N, C-alpha and C. Protein backbone atom coordinates (compact mmCIF):
# COMPACT_ATOMS: atom_id res chain seq x y z
N UNK A 1 95.51 101.54 86.30
CA UNK A 1 95.64 101.05 87.46
C UNK A 1 96.57 100.81 88.41
N UNK A 2 97.11 100.99 89.68
CA UNK A 2 98.28 101.00 90.24
C UNK A 2 98.31 98.72 90.19
N UNK A 3 98.80 98.99 90.51
CA UNK A 3 99.21 96.60 90.23
C UNK A 3 99.14 96.79 92.02
N UNK A 4 99.07 97.41 92.83
CA UNK A 4 98.57 96.86 94.54
C UNK A 4 96.77 96.80 94.33
N UNK A 5 96.38 98.00 93.67
CA UNK A 5 94.95 97.28 93.51
C UNK A 5 94.44 96.87 93.16
N UNK A 6 95.14 96.18 91.82
CA UNK A 6 94.51 95.03 91.17
C UNK A 6 94.85 93.75 91.95
N UNK A 7 95.88 93.36 93.30
CA UNK A 7 96.01 92.66 93.55
C UNK A 7 95.41 92.54 95.49
N UNK A 8 94.84 93.15 95.69
CA UNK A 8 94.22 93.88 96.77
C UNK A 8 92.33 93.08 96.72
N UNK A 9 92.19 92.48 97.92
CA UNK A 9 90.76 92.25 97.56
C UNK A 9 90.19 92.66 98.58
N UNK A 10 90.78 94.17 98.88
CA UNK A 10 90.10 94.72 100.50
C UNK A 10 91.21 95.87 100.76
N UNK A 11 90.88 97.14 99.54
CA UNK A 11 91.91 98.02 99.72
C UNK A 11 91.39 99.55 100.18
N UNK A 12 90.70 99.49 100.94
CA UNK A 12 89.99 100.67 102.06
C UNK A 12 91.52 102.03 101.95
N UNK A 13 90.56 103.24 101.64
CA UNK A 13 91.66 104.47 101.63
C UNK A 13 91.70 104.91 102.80
N UNK A 14 93.36 104.85 103.07
CA UNK A 14 92.98 105.23 104.54
C UNK A 14 92.77 106.67 105.41
N UNK A 15 92.11 106.92 106.34
CA UNK A 15 91.37 107.87 106.42
C UNK A 15 92.60 109.60 106.77
N UNK A 16 92.00 109.99 106.42
CA UNK A 16 92.29 111.60 106.32
C UNK A 16 92.02 111.68 107.34
N UNK A 17 92.66 111.50 108.68
CA UNK A 17 92.75 112.70 110.25
C UNK A 17 92.01 113.64 110.00
N UNK A 18 91.15 114.23 111.14
CA UNK A 18 90.24 115.31 111.09
C UNK A 18 91.35 116.53 111.70
N UNK A 19 92.04 116.26 112.43
CA UNK A 19 92.97 116.84 112.96
C UNK A 19 93.80 117.62 111.60
N UNK A 20 94.38 116.71 110.97
CA UNK A 20 95.30 117.30 110.39
C UNK A 20 94.32 117.93 109.02
N UNK A 21 93.11 117.70 108.35
CA UNK A 21 92.43 118.29 107.78
C UNK A 21 91.98 119.85 108.48
N UNK A 22 91.80 119.50 109.30
CA UNK A 22 91.61 121.28 110.18
C UNK A 22 92.73 122.10 110.08
N UNK A 23 93.96 121.47 110.06
CA UNK A 23 95.13 122.43 110.57
C UNK A 23 95.65 122.41 108.84
N UNK A 24 94.88 121.68 107.83
CA UNK A 24 95.61 122.15 106.20
C UNK A 24 96.88 121.38 106.10
N UNK A 25 96.91 120.11 106.98
CA UNK A 25 98.26 119.49 106.48
C UNK A 25 97.98 118.42 104.98
N UNK A 26 98.98 118.67 104.15
CA UNK A 26 99.02 118.00 103.20
C UNK A 26 100.33 117.43 103.25
N UNK A 27 100.36 116.29 102.14
CA UNK A 27 101.61 115.48 102.14
C UNK A 27 101.37 114.40 100.86
N UNK A 28 102.55 113.73 100.60
CA UNK A 28 102.72 112.83 99.72
C UNK A 28 103.74 111.64 100.55
N UNK A 29 103.98 110.50 100.55
CA UNK A 29 104.90 109.38 100.57
C UNK A 29 104.83 108.04 100.07
N UNK A 30 105.36 107.35 100.59
CA UNK A 30 105.73 106.02 99.62
C UNK A 30 105.48 105.26 101.11
N UNK A 31 104.72 104.06 100.69
CA UNK A 31 104.69 102.69 101.95
C UNK A 31 104.90 101.58 101.91
N UNK A 32 106.09 101.06 102.82
CA UNK A 32 105.90 99.59 101.94
C UNK A 32 105.22 98.44 102.66
N UNK A 33 104.30 97.45 102.06
CA UNK A 33 103.64 96.62 102.86
C UNK A 33 104.58 95.90 102.82
N UNK A 34 104.17 94.54 103.73
CA UNK A 34 104.70 93.22 104.41
C UNK A 34 103.69 92.63 104.03
N UNK A 35 103.41 91.38 103.35
CA UNK A 35 102.65 90.53 103.47
C UNK A 35 102.40 89.46 103.21
N UNK A 36 101.86 88.79 104.54
CA UNK A 36 101.90 86.97 104.64
C UNK A 36 101.59 86.13 103.60
N UNK A 37 101.57 85.05 103.67
CA UNK A 37 101.50 83.74 102.42
C UNK A 37 99.63 84.00 102.40
N UNK A 38 99.06 84.55 104.00
CA UNK A 38 97.75 84.31 103.67
C UNK A 38 96.63 85.69 102.71
N UNK A 39 98.13 86.47 102.65
CA UNK A 39 96.97 87.82 102.06
C UNK A 39 97.57 89.24 103.29
N UNK A 40 97.33 89.01 104.69
CA UNK A 40 97.07 89.59 105.38
C UNK A 40 98.50 90.75 105.36
N UNK A 41 98.47 91.87 105.91
CA UNK A 41 99.62 92.80 105.94
C UNK A 41 100.13 92.44 107.18
N UNK A 42 101.14 92.76 107.65
CA UNK A 42 101.92 92.09 108.83
C UNK A 42 102.53 93.15 109.12
N UNK A 43 103.86 94.53 108.41
CA UNK A 43 104.07 95.77 108.45
C UNK A 43 103.94 96.44 107.64
N UNK A 44 103.68 97.33 108.07
CA UNK A 44 103.73 98.77 106.99
C UNK A 44 104.96 99.70 107.79
N UNK A 45 105.52 100.54 106.54
CA UNK A 45 106.58 101.08 107.06
C UNK A 45 107.33 102.32 106.21
N UNK A 46 107.02 103.40 106.19
CA UNK A 46 106.91 104.35 104.89
C UNK A 46 108.64 104.53 104.89
N UNK A 47 108.54 104.09 103.54
CA UNK A 47 110.02 104.53 102.96
C UNK A 47 110.29 106.07 102.69
N UNK A 48 109.23 106.63 102.69
CA UNK A 48 109.46 108.31 101.87
C UNK A 48 108.11 108.89 102.85
N UNK A 49 108.60 109.58 103.77
CA UNK A 49 107.13 110.29 105.09
C UNK A 49 106.25 111.33 103.81
N UNK A 50 104.94 111.36 104.67
CA UNK A 50 104.30 112.24 104.09
C UNK A 50 104.66 113.48 104.29
N UNK A 51 106.00 113.69 105.53
CA UNK A 51 106.22 115.05 106.17
C UNK A 51 105.61 115.50 107.40
N UNK A 52 104.62 114.54 107.27
CA UNK A 52 103.62 114.76 108.58
C UNK A 52 103.77 113.68 109.62
N UNK A 53 103.93 113.30 110.91
CA UNK A 53 103.76 112.27 112.14
C UNK A 53 102.00 111.88 111.45
N UNK A 54 100.88 113.38 112.16
CA UNK A 54 99.80 112.36 111.63
C UNK A 54 99.78 111.70 110.54
N UNK A 55 99.63 111.82 109.44
CA UNK A 55 99.78 111.68 108.01
C UNK A 55 99.87 109.60 108.08
N UNK A 56 101.27 109.98 108.57
CA UNK A 56 102.39 108.41 108.17
C UNK A 56 101.67 107.81 108.98
N UNK A 57 101.02 107.93 110.11
CA UNK A 57 100.19 107.16 111.26
C UNK A 57 99.12 106.82 110.82
N UNK A 58 98.45 107.84 110.07
CA UNK A 58 97.05 107.16 109.29
C UNK A 58 97.31 106.44 108.47
N UNK A 59 98.52 106.77 107.23
CA UNK A 59 98.59 105.75 105.79
C UNK A 59 99.02 104.22 106.84
N UNK A 60 99.72 103.96 108.05
CA UNK A 60 100.05 102.62 108.30
C UNK A 60 99.26 102.28 109.01
N UNK A 61 98.21 102.73 109.31
CA UNK A 61 97.41 102.00 110.25
C UNK A 61 96.09 101.56 108.78
N UNK A 62 95.81 102.89 107.84
CA UNK A 62 94.84 102.39 106.87
C UNK A 62 95.26 101.48 106.36
N UNK A 63 96.80 101.21 105.75
CA UNK A 63 97.28 100.05 104.94
C UNK A 63 97.46 98.73 105.66
N UNK A 64 97.28 98.65 106.82
CA UNK A 64 97.55 97.46 107.58
C UNK A 64 96.14 96.75 107.51
N UNK A 65 95.24 97.57 106.93
CA UNK A 65 93.99 96.74 107.20
C UNK A 65 93.65 96.04 105.73
N UNK A 66 94.56 96.44 104.80
CA UNK A 66 94.08 95.69 103.36
C UNK A 66 94.99 94.53 103.71
N UNK A 67 94.26 93.47 102.37
CA UNK A 67 93.98 91.94 102.24
C UNK A 67 94.57 92.17 100.70
N UNK A 68 94.96 90.76 100.86
CA UNK A 68 95.88 90.59 99.42
C UNK A 68 95.28 89.00 98.68
N UNK A 69 95.18 89.02 97.62
CA UNK A 69 94.89 87.41 97.06
C UNK A 69 95.70 86.50 97.87
N UNK A 70 95.87 85.71 99.10
CA UNK A 70 96.65 84.62 99.26
C UNK A 70 97.81 84.63 98.13
N UNK A 71 99.40 84.46 98.76
CA UNK A 71 100.16 83.55 97.39
C UNK A 71 100.89 84.87 96.54
N UNK A 72 99.73 86.36 96.64
CA UNK A 72 99.98 87.10 95.59
C UNK A 72 101.42 87.40 94.97
N UNK A 73 101.76 88.07 96.49
CA UNK A 73 102.82 89.20 96.70
C UNK A 73 103.18 89.43 97.98
N UNK A 74 104.68 89.38 98.52
CA UNK A 74 105.43 89.33 99.52
C UNK A 74 105.48 90.35 100.21
N UNK A 75 105.80 91.78 99.22
CA UNK A 75 106.09 93.10 99.49
C UNK A 75 104.86 94.14 98.12
N UNK A 76 104.78 95.15 98.74
CA UNK A 76 103.96 96.03 98.03
C UNK A 76 104.50 97.64 98.11
N UNK A 77 105.32 98.87 97.65
CA UNK A 77 105.40 99.87 97.73
C UNK A 77 104.00 100.22 97.01
N UNK A 78 103.49 101.43 98.22
CA UNK A 78 102.27 101.94 97.46
C UNK A 78 102.43 103.41 98.14
N UNK A 79 102.46 104.19 96.68
CA UNK A 79 102.68 105.51 97.22
C UNK A 79 101.08 106.49 97.88
N UNK A 80 101.37 107.58 98.24
CA UNK A 80 99.93 108.05 98.95
C UNK A 80 99.85 109.74 98.98
N UNK A 81 99.03 109.73 98.58
CA UNK A 81 98.58 111.65 98.81
C UNK A 81 97.53 112.01 99.47
N UNK A 82 97.87 113.43 100.51
CA UNK A 82 96.69 113.62 100.74
C UNK A 82 96.36 115.16 100.58
N UNK A 83 95.35 115.64 100.26
CA UNK A 83 95.30 116.63 99.25
C UNK A 83 93.80 117.21 100.58
N UNK A 84 93.75 118.72 100.40
CA UNK A 84 92.71 118.96 100.96
C UNK A 84 91.22 118.41 100.69
N UNK A 85 91.28 117.13 100.07
CA UNK A 85 89.90 117.13 99.22
C UNK A 85 90.00 115.30 100.09
N UNK A 86 91.13 115.04 100.16
CA UNK A 86 91.27 113.81 100.78
C UNK A 86 92.22 113.22 100.45
N UNK A 87 92.63 111.18 100.53
CA UNK A 87 93.67 111.08 100.61
C UNK A 87 92.96 109.50 99.39
N UNK A 88 94.34 109.87 98.44
CA UNK A 88 94.56 108.60 96.96
C UNK A 88 95.64 108.44 97.44
N UNK A 89 95.28 107.20 96.21
CA UNK A 89 97.03 105.95 96.34
C UNK A 89 96.78 105.70 94.77
């Protein structure tokens, strides 16, 4: 299991945007999550783009909703892959 999922107390899968799915846009990337002492994600940047602005934005907005156990992490790298069956991390 990915370390980020173990430390996360809320880790919903980012939404695969309808527009991207309809256009059959796929891609893989890596996001860097910055987490405050309370466990809230305060910033998300793409270290490696998925190759699609739509998917990058979905990744950023999805990972911003994650929550971690307070005081356990300050930065987390999380891979993301969008295939026609959905998003996985």
